[in-house]
Protein backbone atom coordinates (compact mmCIF):
# COMPACT_ATOMS: atom_id res chain seq x y z
CA MET A 1 50.26 32.77 -36.13
CA THR A 2 49.64 35.92 -34.07
CA GLY A 3 52.11 38.83 -33.92
CA LYS A 4 55.42 38.41 -32.20
CA HIS A 5 53.88 35.66 -30.06
CA GLY A 6 52.81 33.69 -33.19
CA ILE A 7 54.15 30.41 -34.43
CA PRO A 8 56.89 30.90 -37.03
CA GLU A 9 57.01 28.88 -40.19
CA LEU A 10 59.22 25.81 -40.12
CA PRO A 11 62.17 25.42 -42.49
CA LEU A 12 60.92 22.32 -44.24
CA ARG A 13 62.43 21.46 -47.60
CA CYS A 14 59.33 20.20 -49.35
CA LEU A 15 57.47 22.90 -51.27
CA ARG A 16 54.54 21.43 -53.21
CA VAL A 17 51.36 23.04 -54.31
CA SER A 18 47.97 21.82 -53.20
CA ARG A 19 45.13 21.23 -55.62
CA LYS A 20 43.31 23.86 -53.58
CA ILE A 21 45.16 26.68 -55.40
CA LEU A 22 44.48 25.53 -58.96
CA GLY A 23 41.39 27.68 -59.15
CA PRO A 24 38.89 29.29 -56.82
CA ARG A 25 35.83 27.18 -56.31
CA ARG A 26 32.45 28.79 -56.84
CA ARG A 27 30.75 29.83 -53.62
CA PRO A 28 27.07 30.71 -53.47
CA ASP A 29 26.26 34.33 -53.13
CA THR A 30 24.86 35.18 -49.70
CA SER A 31 21.44 36.09 -51.06
CA GLU A 32 21.38 32.96 -53.20
CA ALA A 33 22.21 30.74 -50.26
CA ILE A 34 19.51 32.29 -48.11
CA ALA A 35 16.92 32.01 -50.88
CA HIS A 36 17.44 28.27 -51.15
CA ARG A 37 17.12 27.40 -47.47
CA PRO A 38 14.18 27.82 -45.08
CA GLU A 39 14.10 30.80 -42.83
CA VAL A 40 15.42 29.96 -39.37
CA MET A 41 13.49 31.59 -36.57
CA ARG A 42 15.90 32.37 -33.76
CA ARG A 43 16.07 34.17 -30.43
CA SER A 44 18.92 36.65 -30.33
CA LYS A 45 20.97 38.42 -27.67
CA LEU A 46 22.66 41.77 -27.88
CA GLN A 47 26.08 42.49 -26.41
CA LEU A 48 26.62 46.20 -25.88
CA ASN A 49 30.12 47.79 -25.94
CA ALA A 50 31.41 44.77 -27.82
CA PRO A 51 34.89 44.68 -29.34
CA TRP A 52 34.98 46.03 -32.89
CA ASN A 53 35.62 42.59 -34.33
CA LEU A 54 32.51 40.99 -32.81
CA ALA A 55 30.43 43.95 -33.91
CA ARG A 56 31.77 43.59 -37.44
CA ILE A 57 30.79 39.96 -37.89
CA SER A 58 27.18 40.79 -37.00
CA GLN A 59 26.76 44.06 -38.96
CA GLY A 60 26.36 42.76 -42.49
CA HIS A 61 27.28 44.96 -45.44
CA ALA A 62 26.41 48.17 -43.53
CA ARG A 63 29.78 48.55 -41.76
CA ASN A 64 29.75 51.10 -38.96
CA VAL A 65 33.00 51.32 -36.99
CA GLY A 66 31.35 53.51 -34.36
CA VAL A 67 28.71 50.93 -33.45
CA ARG A 68 29.93 48.39 -30.89
CA ARG A 69 27.02 45.97 -30.65
CA TYR A 70 27.25 42.23 -31.21
CA ARG A 71 23.95 40.55 -32.01
CA TYR A 72 24.07 36.78 -31.80
CA ASP A 73 21.85 33.75 -31.46
CA ALA A 74 21.00 32.81 -27.88
CA THR A 75 22.29 29.24 -28.32
CA ALA A 76 25.80 30.71 -28.66
CA GLY A 77 27.49 27.45 -29.54
CA SER A 78 26.01 25.34 -26.74
CA GLY A 79 26.37 21.59 -27.30
CA THR A 80 29.39 22.00 -29.59
CA TYR A 81 33.04 21.01 -29.06
CA VAL A 82 36.04 22.95 -30.25
CA TYR A 83 39.51 21.44 -30.26
CA VAL A 84 42.04 24.26 -29.93
CA VAL A 85 45.31 22.99 -31.48
CA ASP A 86 47.68 25.60 -30.07
CA SER A 87 49.85 26.42 -27.05
CA GLY A 88 47.39 25.30 -24.38
CA ILE A 89 44.73 27.25 -22.49
CA ASN A 90 44.58 29.02 -19.14
CA PHE A 91 41.75 26.78 -17.97
CA SER A 92 40.89 28.91 -14.93
CA HIS A 93 40.49 32.17 -16.88
CA ALA A 94 37.22 33.95 -16.08
CA GLU A 95 36.38 34.15 -19.80
CA PHE A 96 35.79 30.42 -20.03
CA SER A 97 33.44 29.82 -17.06
CA GLY A 98 34.64 26.23 -16.67
CA ARG A 99 34.11 25.36 -20.35
CA ALA A 100 37.81 24.82 -21.26
CA PHE A 101 39.29 21.39 -20.63
CA ARG A 102 42.59 19.50 -20.94
CA GLY A 103 42.77 17.22 -23.97
CA ALA A 104 46.27 16.23 -25.06
CA ASN A 105 49.79 17.61 -24.87
CA PHE A 106 52.43 16.79 -27.51
CA VAL A 107 55.09 19.23 -26.26
CA LEU A 108 57.53 17.05 -24.31
CA GLY A 109 58.36 18.30 -20.81
CA SER A 110 55.75 21.04 -20.97
CA PRO A 111 52.76 21.45 -18.63
CA ASP A 112 49.26 21.28 -20.06
CA ASP A 113 48.63 24.92 -19.24
CA ASP A 114 49.33 27.73 -21.68
CA GLU A 115 52.84 29.09 -21.20
CA SER A 116 52.88 31.55 -24.09
CA GLY A 117 49.40 33.10 -24.04
CA HIS A 118 48.61 32.44 -27.69
CA GLY A 119 46.23 29.51 -27.15
CA THR A 120 44.34 31.34 -24.43
CA HIS A 121 43.90 34.35 -26.72
CA ILE A 122 42.53 32.14 -29.50
CA ALA A 123 40.21 30.27 -27.14
CA GLY A 124 38.88 33.60 -25.88
CA ILE A 125 37.94 34.67 -29.41
CA ILE A 126 36.29 31.32 -30.11
CA GLY A 127 34.29 30.98 -26.92
CA GLY A 128 35.02 33.63 -24.30
CA LYS A 129 31.98 35.01 -22.49
CA MET A 130 32.94 38.62 -23.28
CA TYR A 131 35.33 38.38 -26.22
CA GLY A 132 34.06 35.21 -27.89
CA VAL A 133 31.90 34.42 -30.91
CA ALA A 134 30.34 31.20 -29.52
CA LYS A 135 30.02 32.06 -25.85
CA SER A 136 28.64 28.70 -24.71
CA CYS A 137 30.80 26.20 -26.61
CA THR A 138 33.04 23.62 -24.92
CA MET A 139 36.77 23.91 -25.70
CA ILE A 140 39.36 21.16 -25.52
CA SER A 141 43.05 22.07 -25.47
CA VAL A 142 45.42 20.16 -27.76
CA LYS A 143 48.88 21.51 -27.01
CA VAL A 144 51.41 21.53 -29.88
CA VAL A 145 53.23 24.83 -29.25
CA SER A 146 55.95 25.40 -26.67
CA LYS A 147 56.48 28.26 -24.26
CA SER A 148 58.79 29.95 -26.78
CA GLY A 149 56.16 29.72 -29.52
CA ARG A 150 57.90 26.88 -31.38
CA SER A 151 56.21 23.85 -32.85
CA ASN A 152 56.89 21.21 -35.48
CA MET A 153 54.80 19.43 -38.05
CA LEU A 154 54.94 16.11 -36.18
CA TRP A 155 53.28 17.71 -33.16
CA VAL A 156 50.71 19.42 -35.35
CA ARG A 157 49.88 16.19 -37.16
CA GLN A 158 49.66 14.32 -33.88
CA GLY A 159 47.39 16.96 -32.45
CA ILE A 160 45.00 16.85 -35.43
CA ASN A 161 44.93 13.06 -35.36
CA TRP A 162 44.27 12.97 -31.61
CA ALA A 163 41.38 15.46 -31.88
CA THR A 164 39.87 13.49 -34.75
CA ASN A 165 40.09 10.17 -32.89
CA ASP A 166 38.75 11.72 -29.67
CA ALA A 167 35.72 13.23 -31.39
CA ILE A 168 34.99 9.95 -33.18
CA ALA A 169 35.35 7.89 -30.01
CA LYS A 170 32.96 10.18 -28.13
CA GLY A 171 30.43 10.28 -30.97
CA ILE A 172 30.64 14.07 -31.33
CA ALA A 173 32.44 14.41 -34.68
CA GLY A 174 29.51 16.11 -36.41
CA ARG A 175 29.30 18.69 -33.62
CA SER A 176 33.03 19.32 -33.41
CA VAL A 177 35.42 21.89 -34.86
CA ILE A 178 39.21 21.80 -34.94
CA ASN A 179 40.98 25.16 -34.87
CA ILE A 180 44.62 25.14 -36.02
CA SER A 181 46.94 28.11 -35.69
CA ALA A 182 50.25 26.27 -35.84
CA GLY A 183 51.76 25.58 -39.22
CA GLY A 184 54.78 25.63 -41.50
CA LEU A 185 55.83 25.07 -45.07
CA TYR A 186 53.79 22.68 -47.20
CA ASN A 187 53.56 19.25 -45.58
CA ALA A 188 51.50 16.53 -47.19
CA SER A 189 51.05 14.48 -43.99
CA VAL A 190 49.52 17.44 -42.18
CA ASN A 191 47.11 18.05 -45.03
CA VAL A 192 46.18 14.38 -44.99
CA ALA A 193 45.44 14.63 -41.28
CA VAL A 194 43.05 17.52 -42.02
CA LYS A 195 41.37 15.45 -44.76
CA ASN A 196 40.89 12.56 -42.33
CA ALA A 197 39.24 14.90 -39.86
CA THR A 198 36.81 16.32 -42.40
CA ASP A 199 36.11 12.85 -43.75
CA ALA A 200 34.91 12.05 -40.21
CA GLY A 201 32.54 15.01 -40.35
CA ILE A 202 34.63 17.42 -38.28
CA THR A 203 34.90 21.04 -39.44
CA VAL A 204 38.53 22.21 -39.63
CA VAL A 205 39.45 25.92 -39.62
CA VAL A 206 43.06 27.07 -40.15
CA ALA A 207 45.00 30.30 -40.22
CA ALA A 208 46.27 31.45 -43.63
CA GLY A 209 49.58 32.64 -42.15
CA ASN A 210 51.30 35.93 -41.30
CA HIS A 211 53.99 36.15 -44.00
CA ALA A 212 52.28 38.44 -46.54
CA ALA A 213 52.85 35.56 -48.93
CA PHE A 214 51.11 32.93 -51.00
CA ALA A 215 49.12 30.72 -48.58
CA GLY A 216 49.39 27.70 -50.86
CA ALA A 217 53.03 27.26 -49.83
CA PHE A 218 52.06 26.46 -46.25
CA SER A 219 50.29 23.74 -44.31
CA PRO A 220 47.65 23.33 -43.13
CA ALA A 221 46.63 26.51 -45.00
CA SER A 222 46.84 24.61 -48.27
CA ALA A 223 44.71 21.68 -47.09
CA ASP A 224 41.91 21.16 -49.58
CA THR A 225 39.09 20.59 -47.08
CA ALA A 226 40.10 23.12 -44.43
CA ILE A 227 38.44 26.52 -44.18
CA THR A 228 41.49 28.77 -44.65
CA VAL A 229 41.08 32.23 -43.14
CA ALA A 230 42.96 35.46 -43.89
CA ALA A 231 42.90 38.58 -41.69
CA SER A 232 41.14 41.88 -42.27
CA GLY A 233 41.10 45.14 -40.33
CA PRO A 234 38.36 47.55 -39.20
CA ASP A 235 38.48 49.14 -42.66
CA ASP A 236 37.60 45.77 -44.33
CA CYS A 237 41.02 45.72 -46.01
CA ARG A 238 43.33 42.71 -46.00
CA ALA A 239 45.77 43.13 -43.10
CA PRO A 240 49.26 43.82 -44.52
CA PHE A 241 50.77 40.79 -42.81
CA SER A 242 48.12 38.32 -43.98
CA ASN A 243 48.84 35.55 -46.43
CA TYR A 244 46.63 35.46 -49.51
CA GLY A 245 45.78 33.65 -52.71
CA PRO A 246 43.26 31.07 -54.03
CA CYS A 247 43.80 28.86 -51.00
CA VAL A 248 42.10 31.50 -48.85
CA ASP A 249 38.41 30.75 -48.46
CA MET A 250 37.42 33.89 -46.57
CA PHE A 251 38.50 36.80 -44.36
CA ALA A 252 37.68 37.58 -40.76
CA PRO A 253 38.78 40.30 -38.33
CA GLY A 254 42.41 39.84 -37.32
CA ALA A 255 43.85 43.24 -36.38
CA HIS A 256 44.05 44.65 -32.86
CA ILE A 257 41.85 41.92 -31.35
CA ALA A 258 41.20 41.93 -27.61
CA SER A 259 40.92 38.56 -25.90
CA ALA A 260 41.97 36.53 -22.88
CA TRP A 261 45.65 36.05 -21.99
CA ASN A 262 47.49 33.61 -19.80
CA TYR A 263 49.24 35.81 -17.21
CA ALA A 264 46.21 36.10 -14.94
CA ASP A 265 42.73 34.62 -14.63
CA ASN A 266 41.32 37.93 -15.83
CA GLY A 267 44.20 38.87 -18.12
CA ILE A 268 43.40 40.54 -21.45
CA LYS A 269 45.69 41.45 -24.35
CA TYR A 270 45.38 42.89 -27.86
CA GLU A 271 46.94 40.82 -30.64
CA SER A 272 46.90 40.74 -34.45
CA GLY A 273 47.21 37.81 -36.84
CA THR A 274 45.46 35.27 -38.99
CA SER A 275 45.19 33.05 -35.92
CA ALA A 276 42.73 35.52 -34.51
CA ALA A 277 40.89 35.62 -37.84
CA ALA A 278 40.60 31.84 -37.95
CA ALA A 279 39.31 31.81 -34.39
CA HIS A 280 36.31 33.96 -35.46
CA VAL A 281 35.38 31.45 -38.14
CA THR A 282 35.83 28.54 -35.73
CA GLY A 283 33.45 30.33 -33.39
CA LEU A 284 31.00 30.79 -36.27
CA ALA A 285 31.22 27.06 -37.07
CA ALA A 286 30.24 26.22 -33.48
CA TYR A 287 27.61 28.94 -33.62
CA PHE A 288 25.86 27.57 -36.73
CA ILE A 289 26.15 23.93 -35.56
CA SER A 290 24.30 24.90 -32.41
CA SER A 291 21.77 27.44 -33.69
CA GLU A 292 20.76 25.50 -36.81
CA ASN A 293 21.43 21.93 -35.72
CA LEU A 294 23.94 21.41 -38.52
CA ARG A 295 25.96 18.21 -38.67
CA GLY A 296 29.10 17.43 -40.59
CA PHE A 297 31.79 19.61 -42.11
CA LYS A 298 30.16 19.91 -45.55
CA ALA A 299 26.96 21.42 -44.13
CA VAL A 300 28.88 23.70 -41.79
CA ARG A 301 31.32 24.86 -44.47
CA GLU A 302 28.50 25.62 -46.91
CA ARG A 303 26.64 27.61 -44.25
CA ILE A 304 29.62 29.68 -43.25
CA LEU A 305 30.62 30.49 -46.81
CA GLY A 306 27.04 31.07 -47.88
CA ALA A 307 26.43 33.52 -45.03
CA SER A 308 29.66 35.44 -45.63
CA LEU A 309 29.59 38.93 -47.10
CA ASN A 310 30.64 38.94 -50.74
CA GLY A 311 32.80 41.66 -52.25
CA VAL A 312 33.52 43.86 -49.22
CA ILE A 313 37.28 43.22 -48.78
CA THR A 314 39.86 45.34 -50.51
CA ASP A 315 43.37 44.18 -51.55
CA THR A 316 42.39 40.47 -51.61
CA ARG A 317 45.31 39.48 -53.86
CA TYR A 318 43.40 36.66 -55.53
CA SER A 319 41.81 35.45 -52.29
CA SER A 320 38.11 34.68 -52.11
CA ASN A 321 36.43 38.03 -51.36
CA ARG A 322 34.24 36.96 -48.47
CA LEU A 323 34.04 38.35 -44.94
CA ALA A 324 32.79 36.29 -41.98
CA TYR A 325 29.22 37.11 -40.92
CA ASN A 326 26.94 35.42 -38.39
CA ASP A 327 23.81 36.09 -40.44
CA ASN A 328 21.73 36.70 -37.35
CA ARG A 329 18.07 37.24 -38.14
CA VAL A 330 15.77 38.24 -35.34
CA SER A 331 12.49 36.37 -34.95
């Protein structure tokens, strides 16, 4: 759901409210979570002149917009698998170094490649070598968005189900993440597909939506077991376009984000949206799975939320006040 290239909501008639919005669930404070788990000794790398968004997710509470360094664990998501449910990927883009692969395509009459650019941008944030959070992860394209940026909930559900079944069949469910940017008004079948994925041990991360509205009215943002992500800017304020509410589990950078684009194998573009925000958290999921040998969505979800920075976002509008953080500690 990124900018003018995002996926618009679908005019579905059913508007029901997920149990997810009935009340915010308690999340452990960052310090509490760290105190109750063993210290992980890790080897880190430092990316200089990093985009502001990567620098922000490795700075902790001491935000410094003038510092453009991204410190991250050297494993960088290696051995993990990310299903990008979007508009496809430019598989030959230099950002991916041969780590992006064709998976499935549910857009009839459309090539597997990315025709709109959105999916490539999201994949770049997740796992690009320069613009990505988890620079060594493997990405699998699941195309559910057309060249014009249109989708429908049948394609989205089919894409989620395909990714779930593929990960199970390959025995990689516990090391897999599904990133979903496409969405529309509340749809129970899509939320069930998300639940089936997490029941299989797959971590699912979804965009909250770009309507400046209550996220609980949309799917898969309202899915109980998804990690629903809203967008913040360099000032740690909720982006004006971002959806909000108790369905939102956390925030991540989503304004003026540089990443790969589809028009050339070295193409780069700046975009804004909760899709970009969700991509950061998907990258963090792959990052923690790899660096800490986590398995299963419950362990990954707890780690991501436990590491997040508590109380730094302004204008949350009843969303969980947590900002994505990679919790890198240097050995």
